[in-house]
Structure formats: C-alpha cells, structure tokens
N, C-alpha and C. Protein backbone atom coordinates (compact mmCIF):
# COMPACT_ATOMS: atom_id res chain seq x y z
N MET A 1 36.22 29.03 47.16
CA MET A 1 36.39 27.63 46.94
C MET A 1 35.16 27.01 46.28
N LEU A 2 33.97 27.38 46.76
CA LEU A 2 32.74 26.87 46.20
C LEU A 2 32.54 27.33 44.74
N GLU A 3 32.96 28.55 44.44
CA GLU A 3 32.84 29.08 43.09
C GLU A 3 33.72 28.31 42.13
N GLN A 4 34.91 27.94 42.56
CA GLN A 4 35.81 27.16 41.71
C GLN A 4 35.23 25.76 41.45
N PHE A 5 34.66 25.14 42.46
CA PHE A 5 34.05 23.83 42.30
C PHE A 5 32.88 23.90 41.31
N ARG A 6 32.08 24.96 41.44
CA ARG A 6 30.96 25.17 40.52
C ARG A 6 31.45 25.33 39.08
N ASP A 7 32.49 26.12 38.86
CA ASP A 7 33.04 26.33 37.53
C ASP A 7 33.59 25.04 36.95
N ILE A 8 34.26 24.24 37.77
CA ILE A 8 34.79 22.94 37.30
C ILE A 8 33.64 22.01 36.92
N MET A 9 32.58 21.98 37.71
CA MET A 9 31.42 21.13 37.41
C MET A 9 30.73 21.57 36.12
N ILE A 10 30.66 22.88 35.88
CA ILE A 10 30.05 23.40 34.64
C ILE A 10 30.90 22.97 33.44
N ILE A 11 32.20 23.06 33.56
CA ILE A 11 33.08 22.65 32.46
C ILE A 11 32.97 21.14 32.21
N ILE A 12 32.95 20.35 33.27
CA ILE A 12 32.81 18.89 33.11
C ILE A 12 31.46 18.56 32.49
N SER A 13 30.41 19.21 32.92
CA SER A 13 29.06 18.99 32.36
C SER A 13 29.04 19.36 30.87
N ALA A 14 29.68 20.45 30.51
CA ALA A 14 29.73 20.87 29.12
C ALA A 14 30.43 19.81 28.28
N PHE A 15 31.58 19.29 28.77
CA PHE A 15 32.28 18.24 28.03
C PHE A 15 31.42 16.96 27.92
N LEU A 16 30.70 16.63 28.97
CA LEU A 16 29.84 15.45 28.94
C LEU A 16 28.71 15.62 27.91
N VAL A 17 28.12 16.81 27.87
CA VAL A 17 27.06 17.08 26.90
C VAL A 17 27.60 17.04 25.48
N ILE A 18 28.78 17.62 25.25
CA ILE A 18 29.39 17.57 23.92
C ILE A 18 29.71 16.12 23.56
N GLY A 19 30.24 15.36 24.50
CA GLY A 19 30.55 13.96 24.24
C GLY A 19 29.30 13.16 23.92
N ALA A 20 28.21 13.39 24.65
CA ALA A 20 26.96 12.68 24.39
C ALA A 20 26.41 13.05 23.02
N ALA A 21 26.50 14.31 22.64
CA ALA A 21 26.01 14.75 21.33
C ALA A 21 26.82 14.11 20.21
N LEU A 22 28.14 14.07 20.37
CA LEU A 22 29.01 13.42 19.37
C LEU A 22 28.73 11.93 19.27
N THR A 23 28.56 11.28 20.43
CA THR A 23 28.25 9.86 20.44
C THR A 23 26.92 9.60 19.73
N PHE A 24 25.91 10.42 20.01
CA PHE A 24 24.62 10.25 19.36
C PHE A 24 24.74 10.45 17.84
N ALA A 25 25.51 11.46 17.42
CA ALA A 25 25.67 11.71 15.99
C ALA A 25 26.40 10.54 15.32
N ILE A 26 27.43 10.01 15.93
CA ILE A 26 28.17 8.89 15.36
C ILE A 26 27.29 7.65 15.28
N LEU A 27 26.53 7.36 16.34
CA LEU A 27 25.63 6.21 16.31
C LEU A 27 24.55 6.37 15.24
N THR A 28 24.07 7.57 15.08
CA THR A 28 23.05 7.82 14.06
C THR A 28 23.62 7.55 12.66
N ILE A 29 24.83 7.99 12.42
CA ILE A 29 25.46 7.74 11.11
C ILE A 29 25.69 6.26 10.89
N ILE A 30 26.14 5.55 11.91
CA ILE A 30 26.39 4.10 11.78
C ILE A 30 25.09 3.36 11.50
N VAL A 31 24.05 3.69 12.23
CA VAL A 31 22.76 3.02 12.02
C VAL A 31 22.24 3.33 10.63
N PHE A 32 22.35 4.58 10.20
CA PHE A 32 21.87 4.94 8.85
C PHE A 32 22.61 4.16 7.77
N ARG A 33 23.91 4.00 7.93
CA ARG A 33 24.68 3.25 6.93
C ARG A 33 24.30 1.78 6.91
N LYS A 34 23.95 1.23 8.05
CA LYS A 34 23.55 -0.18 8.11
C LYS A 34 22.12 -0.36 7.57
N VAL A 35 21.26 0.58 7.82
CA VAL A 35 19.85 0.44 7.45
C VAL A 35 19.62 0.86 6.00
N SER A 36 20.42 1.72 5.48
CA SER A 36 20.21 2.27 4.13
C SER A 36 20.13 1.20 3.06
N PRO A 37 21.04 0.20 3.00
CA PRO A 37 20.90 -0.83 1.97
C PRO A 37 19.61 -1.64 2.11
N THR A 38 19.19 -1.87 3.34
CA THR A 38 17.95 -2.61 3.56
C THR A 38 16.75 -1.79 3.05
N LEU A 39 16.77 -0.50 3.33
CA LEU A 39 15.69 0.35 2.83
C LEU A 39 15.67 0.42 1.30
N ASP A 40 16.86 0.46 0.68
CA ASP A 40 16.91 0.45 -0.76
C ASP A 40 16.37 -0.85 -1.33
N ALA A 41 16.72 -1.98 -0.70
CA ALA A 41 16.22 -3.27 -1.17
C ALA A 41 14.69 -3.34 -1.01
N ALA A 42 14.18 -2.84 0.10
CA ALA A 42 12.74 -2.82 0.30
C ALA A 42 12.04 -1.93 -0.74
N ARG A 43 12.65 -0.79 -1.05
CA ARG A 43 12.09 0.12 -2.05
C ARG A 43 12.07 -0.56 -3.41
N ASP A 44 13.13 -1.26 -3.77
CA ASP A 44 13.18 -1.99 -5.05
C ASP A 44 12.11 -3.11 -5.07
N PHE A 45 11.98 -3.81 -3.96
CA PHE A 45 11.00 -4.89 -3.87
C PHE A 45 9.60 -4.35 -4.10
N PHE A 46 9.25 -3.25 -3.46
CA PHE A 46 7.91 -2.69 -3.62
C PHE A 46 7.69 -2.11 -4.99
N THR A 47 8.73 -1.63 -5.62
CA THR A 47 8.62 -1.17 -7.01
C THR A 47 8.31 -2.36 -7.93
N ASP A 48 9.02 -3.47 -7.72
CA ASP A 48 8.76 -4.68 -8.52
C ASP A 48 7.35 -5.20 -8.24
N LEU A 49 6.95 -5.17 -6.98
CA LEU A 49 5.62 -5.63 -6.61
C LEU A 49 4.55 -4.78 -7.27
N ARG A 50 4.77 -3.48 -7.34
CA ARG A 50 3.82 -2.58 -7.99
C ARG A 50 3.74 -2.90 -9.48
N SER A 51 4.87 -3.21 -10.10
CA SER A 51 4.89 -3.55 -11.53
C SER A 51 4.13 -4.83 -11.79
N VAL A 52 4.38 -5.83 -10.96
CA VAL A 52 3.66 -7.12 -11.11
C VAL A 52 2.16 -6.92 -10.89
N SER A 53 1.81 -6.15 -9.92
CA SER A 53 0.40 -5.90 -9.62
C SER A 53 -0.30 -5.22 -10.80
N SER A 54 0.34 -4.23 -11.39
CA SER A 54 -0.29 -3.57 -12.52
C SER A 54 -0.36 -4.46 -13.74
N LEU A 55 0.62 -5.33 -13.91
CA LEU A 55 0.60 -6.30 -15.00
C LEU A 55 -0.54 -7.28 -14.83
N VAL A 56 -0.70 -7.82 -13.64
CA VAL A 56 -1.79 -8.76 -13.37
C VAL A 56 -3.13 -8.07 -13.52
N THR A 57 -3.23 -6.85 -13.06
CA THR A 57 -4.48 -6.12 -13.20
C THR A 57 -4.83 -5.91 -14.68
N GLY A 58 -3.83 -5.54 -15.47
CA GLY A 58 -4.09 -5.28 -16.88
C GLY A 58 -4.35 -6.51 -17.70
N LYS A 59 -3.68 -7.62 -17.40
CA LYS A 59 -3.78 -8.83 -18.22
C LYS A 59 -4.82 -9.83 -17.74
N VAL A 60 -5.17 -9.79 -16.46
CA VAL A 60 -6.09 -10.80 -15.93
C VAL A 60 -7.41 -10.18 -15.49
N PHE A 61 -7.36 -9.24 -14.59
CA PHE A 61 -8.60 -8.77 -13.97
C PHE A 61 -9.46 -7.92 -14.91
N LYS A 62 -8.84 -7.10 -15.73
CA LYS A 62 -9.65 -6.29 -16.63
C LYS A 62 -10.42 -7.16 -17.64
N PRO A 63 -9.77 -8.12 -18.32
CA PRO A 63 -10.54 -8.99 -19.22
C PRO A 63 -11.58 -9.84 -18.46
N LEU A 64 -11.22 -10.30 -17.27
CA LEU A 64 -12.16 -11.08 -16.46
C LEU A 64 -13.37 -10.26 -16.07
N THR A 65 -13.15 -9.01 -15.71
CA THR A 65 -14.25 -8.10 -15.35
C THR A 65 -15.13 -7.82 -16.57
N LYS A 66 -14.48 -7.59 -17.71
CA LYS A 66 -15.26 -7.35 -18.93
C LYS A 66 -16.11 -8.56 -19.27
N GLY A 67 -15.54 -9.77 -19.11
CA GLY A 67 -16.31 -10.99 -19.37
C GLY A 67 -17.46 -11.15 -18.40
N ALA A 68 -17.24 -10.83 -17.15
CA ALA A 68 -18.30 -10.93 -16.15
C ALA A 68 -19.41 -9.93 -16.44
N ILE A 69 -19.05 -8.73 -16.86
CA ILE A 69 -20.05 -7.72 -17.20
C ILE A 69 -20.86 -8.15 -18.41
N PHE A 70 -20.17 -8.72 -19.41
CA PHE A 70 -20.83 -9.20 -20.61
C PHE A 70 -21.80 -10.33 -20.25
N ALA A 71 -21.36 -11.26 -19.41
CA ALA A 71 -22.22 -12.40 -19.01
C ALA A 71 -23.42 -11.91 -18.23
N ALA A 72 -23.23 -10.92 -17.38
CA ALA A 72 -24.36 -10.36 -16.63
C ALA A 72 -25.36 -9.68 -17.57
N GLY A 73 -24.85 -9.02 -18.57
CA GLY A 73 -25.73 -8.39 -19.58
C GLY A 73 -26.51 -9.42 -20.35
N LEU A 74 -25.85 -10.51 -20.76
CA LEU A 74 -26.57 -11.58 -21.47
C LEU A 74 -27.62 -12.22 -20.57
N ARG A 75 -27.29 -12.43 -19.32
CA ARG A 75 -28.24 -13.04 -18.38
C ARG A 75 -29.46 -12.13 -18.22
N LYS A 76 -29.23 -10.83 -18.08
CA LYS A 76 -30.32 -9.88 -17.94
C LYS A 76 -31.17 -9.83 -19.19
N ALA A 77 -30.51 -9.87 -20.35
CA ALA A 77 -31.25 -9.88 -21.63
C ALA A 77 -32.10 -11.14 -21.73
N ALA A 78 -31.55 -12.28 -21.38
CA ALA A 78 -32.31 -13.53 -21.44
C ALA A 78 -33.49 -13.49 -20.47
N THR A 79 -33.30 -12.96 -19.29
CA THR A 79 -34.38 -12.84 -18.32
C THR A 79 -35.46 -11.91 -18.84
N THR A 80 -35.08 -10.82 -19.39
CA THR A 80 -36.04 -9.84 -19.94
C THR A 80 -36.83 -10.44 -21.09
N LEU A 81 -36.16 -11.12 -22.00
CA LEU A 81 -36.84 -11.77 -23.14
C LEU A 81 -37.77 -12.87 -22.67
N SER A 82 -37.32 -13.61 -21.68
CA SER A 82 -38.15 -14.69 -21.14
C SER A 82 -39.40 -14.13 -20.48
N GLU A 83 -39.28 -13.05 -19.73
CA GLU A 83 -40.45 -12.44 -19.09
C GLU A 83 -41.40 -11.88 -20.12
N ARG A 84 -40.87 -11.29 -21.16
CA ARG A 84 -41.72 -10.73 -22.20
C ARG A 84 -42.49 -11.84 -22.93
N SER A 85 -41.82 -12.96 -23.21
CA SER A 85 -42.51 -14.04 -23.93
C SER A 85 -43.58 -14.67 -23.03
N HIS A 86 -43.33 -14.76 -21.72
CA HIS A 86 -44.37 -15.29 -20.82
C HIS A 86 -45.55 -14.33 -20.73
N ARG A 87 -45.30 -13.05 -20.70
CA ARG A 87 -46.38 -12.07 -20.67
C ARG A 87 -47.18 -12.13 -21.96
N LYS A 88 -46.49 -12.31 -23.06
CA LYS A 88 -47.15 -12.34 -24.37
C LYS A 88 -48.05 -13.58 -24.46
N GLU A 89 -47.50 -14.72 -23.97
CA GLU A 89 -48.31 -15.95 -23.98
C GLU A 89 -49.58 -15.82 -23.14
N LYS A 90 -49.45 -15.20 -21.97
CA LYS A 90 -50.61 -15.02 -21.09
C LYS A 90 -51.61 -14.07 -21.72
N LYS A 91 -51.09 -13.07 -22.41
CA LYS A 91 -51.97 -12.07 -23.03
C LYS A 91 -52.74 -12.70 -24.21
N ASP A 92 -52.07 -13.57 -24.98
CA ASP A 92 -52.71 -14.20 -26.13
C ASP A 92 -53.61 -15.36 -25.68
N GLY A 93 -53.45 -15.82 -24.47
CA GLY A 93 -54.27 -16.91 -23.97
C GLY A 93 -53.66 -18.27 -24.22
N LYS A 94 -52.44 -18.34 -24.68
CA LYS A 94 -51.80 -19.62 -24.97
C LYS A 94 -51.20 -20.26 -23.70
N GLY A 95 -51.00 -19.52 -22.72
CA GLY A 95 -50.35 -20.01 -21.51
C GLY A 95 -51.28 -20.81 -20.61
N GLN A 96 -52.57 -20.91 -20.94
CA GLN A 96 -53.50 -21.62 -20.05
C GLN A 96 -53.80 -23.00 -20.49
C-alpha cells in the first residue's frame, strides 16, 4: 500500500514539475513579446542619440577646441614677446 502511494506521489510530482516548466516557458515568451518592442525602441533611440552626439562633436566641439588652442597659442606668444621686450629694455638700460 505504501509503495503505491509513493508511486502516485512521484507521478503527481512529475506532472507538477512539467506544468511548472511549461508555465515558466509560456510566461517567458509572453514577457519577451511585450518587452521586445520597448527594447527595439530604446535601441533606436540610443542609435539616434549617438548620431546626434557625433554630429555635435564634429560641428561644434572640434572647431571650438581648435579655436581655444589657437587662442592659447596666441596668448603664449604674446606673453613670450612681452617678456623678451622687457628683458631687452632692462638690458639696454631703457627700463630705468
């Protein structure tokens, strides 16, 4: 009698495990179908964002950086020329 009860419980447990696995698989498919369009939209959004970012970098920041580098070079050149002319004046005795 106990062996028959054990066999019935094993069969019921097997059906429950199979049912749980099928339920999990079905829920996974349903969630994937619902989330997939959202993921595609997010992927498209980030692709567009990457395009805009590269456009802004190419059209705004690169020229701005080049201008800043040029201005820094001019400033350094002016400082260097100014220091040289002050040294020259002091050397010639005109600065006193």
